[in-house]
Amino acid sequence: MEKNWGAVDATLDKIQEILYPKSWAQLTPEIPKETNEPDFVKKVMRPMLAQQGDKLPVSAFTPAGIFPTATTKYEKRGVAINIPEWKMENCIQCNQCAMVCPHAAIRPVLAGTVSANF
């Protein structure tokens, strides 16, 4: 618990204000020019990426709740400043890193293969 409090205190000392033009608040998201996108990408994924997922009806999703494969080619958000790196010495094989990795760069299925090679 003490380490968590120390981390918060250290963070507060390093916070920097970032000034940006007021006109940025009025910007609208760019609409992709590609028109050959699957219906799922147009009707479900695009609204979700625009933070409008709460407005989607349940009927927009498949009954099994499956997100179709091969949709990453339509999503180029650039969300991460740094690419995650798996560190074998820190790994407890909980798979939480893989779940939150925005680039799917951490693959738990390879963890056993990689650690066996070291």
Protein backbone atom coordinates (compact mmCIF):
# COMPACT_ATOMS: atom_id res chain seq x y z
CA MET A 1 0.00 0.00 0.00
CA GLU A 2 2.85 2.38 0.86
CA LYS A 3 4.37 1.88 -2.60
CA ASN A 4 1.05 2.85 -4.22
CA TRP A 5 0.89 6.05 -2.18
CA GLY A 6 4.52 6.78 -3.05
CA ALA A 7 3.74 6.30 -6.74
CA VAL A 8 0.82 8.75 -6.52
CA ASP A 9 2.96 11.30 -4.69
CA ALA A 10 5.76 10.94 -7.27
CA THR A 11 3.24 11.38 -10.07
CA LEU A 12 1.82 14.57 -8.59
CA ASP A 13 5.31 16.09 -8.57
CA LYS A 14 5.73 15.41 -12.29
CA ILE A 15 2.36 16.52 -13.68
CA GLN A 16 2.68 19.05 -16.48
CA GLU A 17 -0.09 21.14 -17.95
CA ILE A 18 -0.45 20.74 -21.70
CA LEU A 19 -1.84 23.80 -23.44
CA TYR A 20 -3.71 23.28 -26.69
CA PRO A 21 -5.72 25.61 -28.93
CA LYS A 22 -9.34 26.12 -27.87
CA SER A 23 -10.37 25.36 -31.46
CA TRP A 24 -9.46 21.70 -30.87
CA ALA A 25 -12.60 21.26 -28.76
CA GLN A 26 -14.71 21.85 -31.87
CA LEU A 27 -12.95 19.31 -34.10
CA THR A 28 -14.95 16.45 -35.54
CA PRO A 29 -13.45 13.00 -36.07
CA GLU A 30 -12.15 12.22 -39.52
CA ILE A 31 -14.40 9.86 -41.42
CA PRO A 32 -12.49 7.11 -43.22
CA LYS A 33 -12.69 7.26 -46.99
CA GLU A 34 -12.80 3.49 -47.46
CA THR A 35 -16.25 2.37 -48.62
CA ASN A 36 -15.64 -1.38 -48.97
CA GLU A 37 -15.84 -1.97 -45.25
CA PRO A 38 -17.95 -4.83 -43.90
CA ASP A 39 -21.29 -3.92 -42.35
CA PHE A 40 -20.01 -4.80 -38.88
CA VAL A 41 -17.21 -2.25 -39.24
CA LYS A 42 -19.55 0.46 -40.50
CA LYS A 43 -22.44 -0.13 -38.13
CA VAL A 44 -20.75 -1.35 -34.93
CA MET A 45 -17.02 -0.77 -34.88
CA ARG A 46 -16.96 2.81 -36.21
CA PRO A 47 -19.51 4.04 -33.63
CA MET A 48 -17.57 2.25 -30.88
CA LEU A 49 -14.33 3.91 -31.97
CA ALA A 50 -16.11 7.27 -31.92
CA GLN A 51 -17.07 6.66 -28.26
CA GLN A 52 -20.72 6.15 -29.31
CA GLY A 53 -21.00 2.47 -28.39
CA ASP A 54 -23.62 3.16 -25.71
CA LYS A 55 -25.99 4.30 -28.45
CA LEU A 56 -25.84 0.98 -30.32
CA PRO A 57 -28.84 -1.33 -29.95
CA VAL A 58 -28.23 -4.87 -28.71
CA SER A 59 -29.47 -6.12 -32.09
CA ALA A 60 -26.35 -4.62 -33.74
CA PHE A 61 -24.24 -7.38 -32.17
CA THR A 62 -24.14 -11.06 -32.99
CA PRO A 63 -26.14 -13.31 -30.63
CA ALA A 64 -22.91 -15.02 -29.55
CA GLY A 65 -21.29 -11.66 -28.79
CA ILE A 66 -18.37 -12.41 -31.08
CA PHE A 67 -16.24 -9.66 -32.57
CA PRO A 68 -15.39 -10.74 -36.15
CA THR A 69 -11.79 -11.48 -37.03
CA ALA A 70 -9.65 -9.38 -39.40
CA THR A 71 -11.14 -6.07 -38.24
CA THR A 72 -7.86 -4.58 -36.99
CA LYS A 73 -7.03 -3.42 -40.51
CA TYR A 74 -9.89 -0.92 -40.18
CA GLU A 75 -8.78 0.41 -36.81
CA LYS A 76 -5.71 2.64 -36.88
CA ARG A 77 -6.05 4.72 -33.72
CA GLY A 78 -2.44 5.12 -32.63
CA VAL A 79 -3.48 4.81 -29.00
CA ALA A 80 -0.16 3.89 -27.47
CA ILE A 81 2.86 6.13 -27.12
CA ASN A 82 4.99 3.12 -26.23
CA ILE A 83 4.71 -0.45 -27.44
CA PRO A 84 4.36 -2.89 -24.53
CA GLU A 85 7.21 -5.27 -23.82
CA TRP A 86 6.87 -8.58 -22.02
CA LYS A 87 9.42 -9.00 -19.26
CA MET A 88 9.88 -12.65 -18.36
CA GLU A 89 11.28 -11.89 -14.90
CA ASN A 90 8.11 -9.94 -13.95
CA CYS A 91 5.60 -12.36 -15.46
CA ILE A 92 3.27 -14.28 -13.15
CA GLN A 93 1.24 -15.59 -16.14
CA CYS A 94 -1.98 -13.80 -15.18
CA ASN A 95 -2.62 -12.69 -18.83
CA GLN A 96 -3.83 -9.24 -17.75
CA CYS A 97 -1.17 -7.57 -19.91
CA ALA A 98 -2.45 -9.38 -23.02
CA MET A 99 -6.03 -8.38 -22.27
CA VAL A 100 -5.27 -4.65 -22.17
CA CYS A 101 -2.53 -4.49 -24.82
CA PRO A 102 -3.85 -2.13 -27.54
CA HIS A 103 -1.64 -3.66 -30.22
CA ALA A 104 -2.08 -7.35 -29.37
CA ALA A 105 1.70 -7.40 -29.13
CA ILE A 106 1.67 -9.58 -26.04
CA ARG A 107 0.63 -13.13 -26.93
CA PRO A 108 0.17 -15.43 -23.90
CA VAL A 109 0.12 -18.49 -26.14
CA LEU A 110 3.80 -17.81 -26.88
CA ALA A 111 4.85 -17.25 -23.25
CA GLY A 112 5.65 -20.90 -22.63
CA THR A 113 7.60 -21.11 -25.90
CA VAL A 114 9.56 -17.94 -25.20
CA SER A 115 10.40 -18.75 -21.58
CA ALA A 116 11.48 -22.26 -22.60
CA ASN A 117 14.04 -20.72 -24.97
CA PHE A 118 15.70 -18.60 -22.25
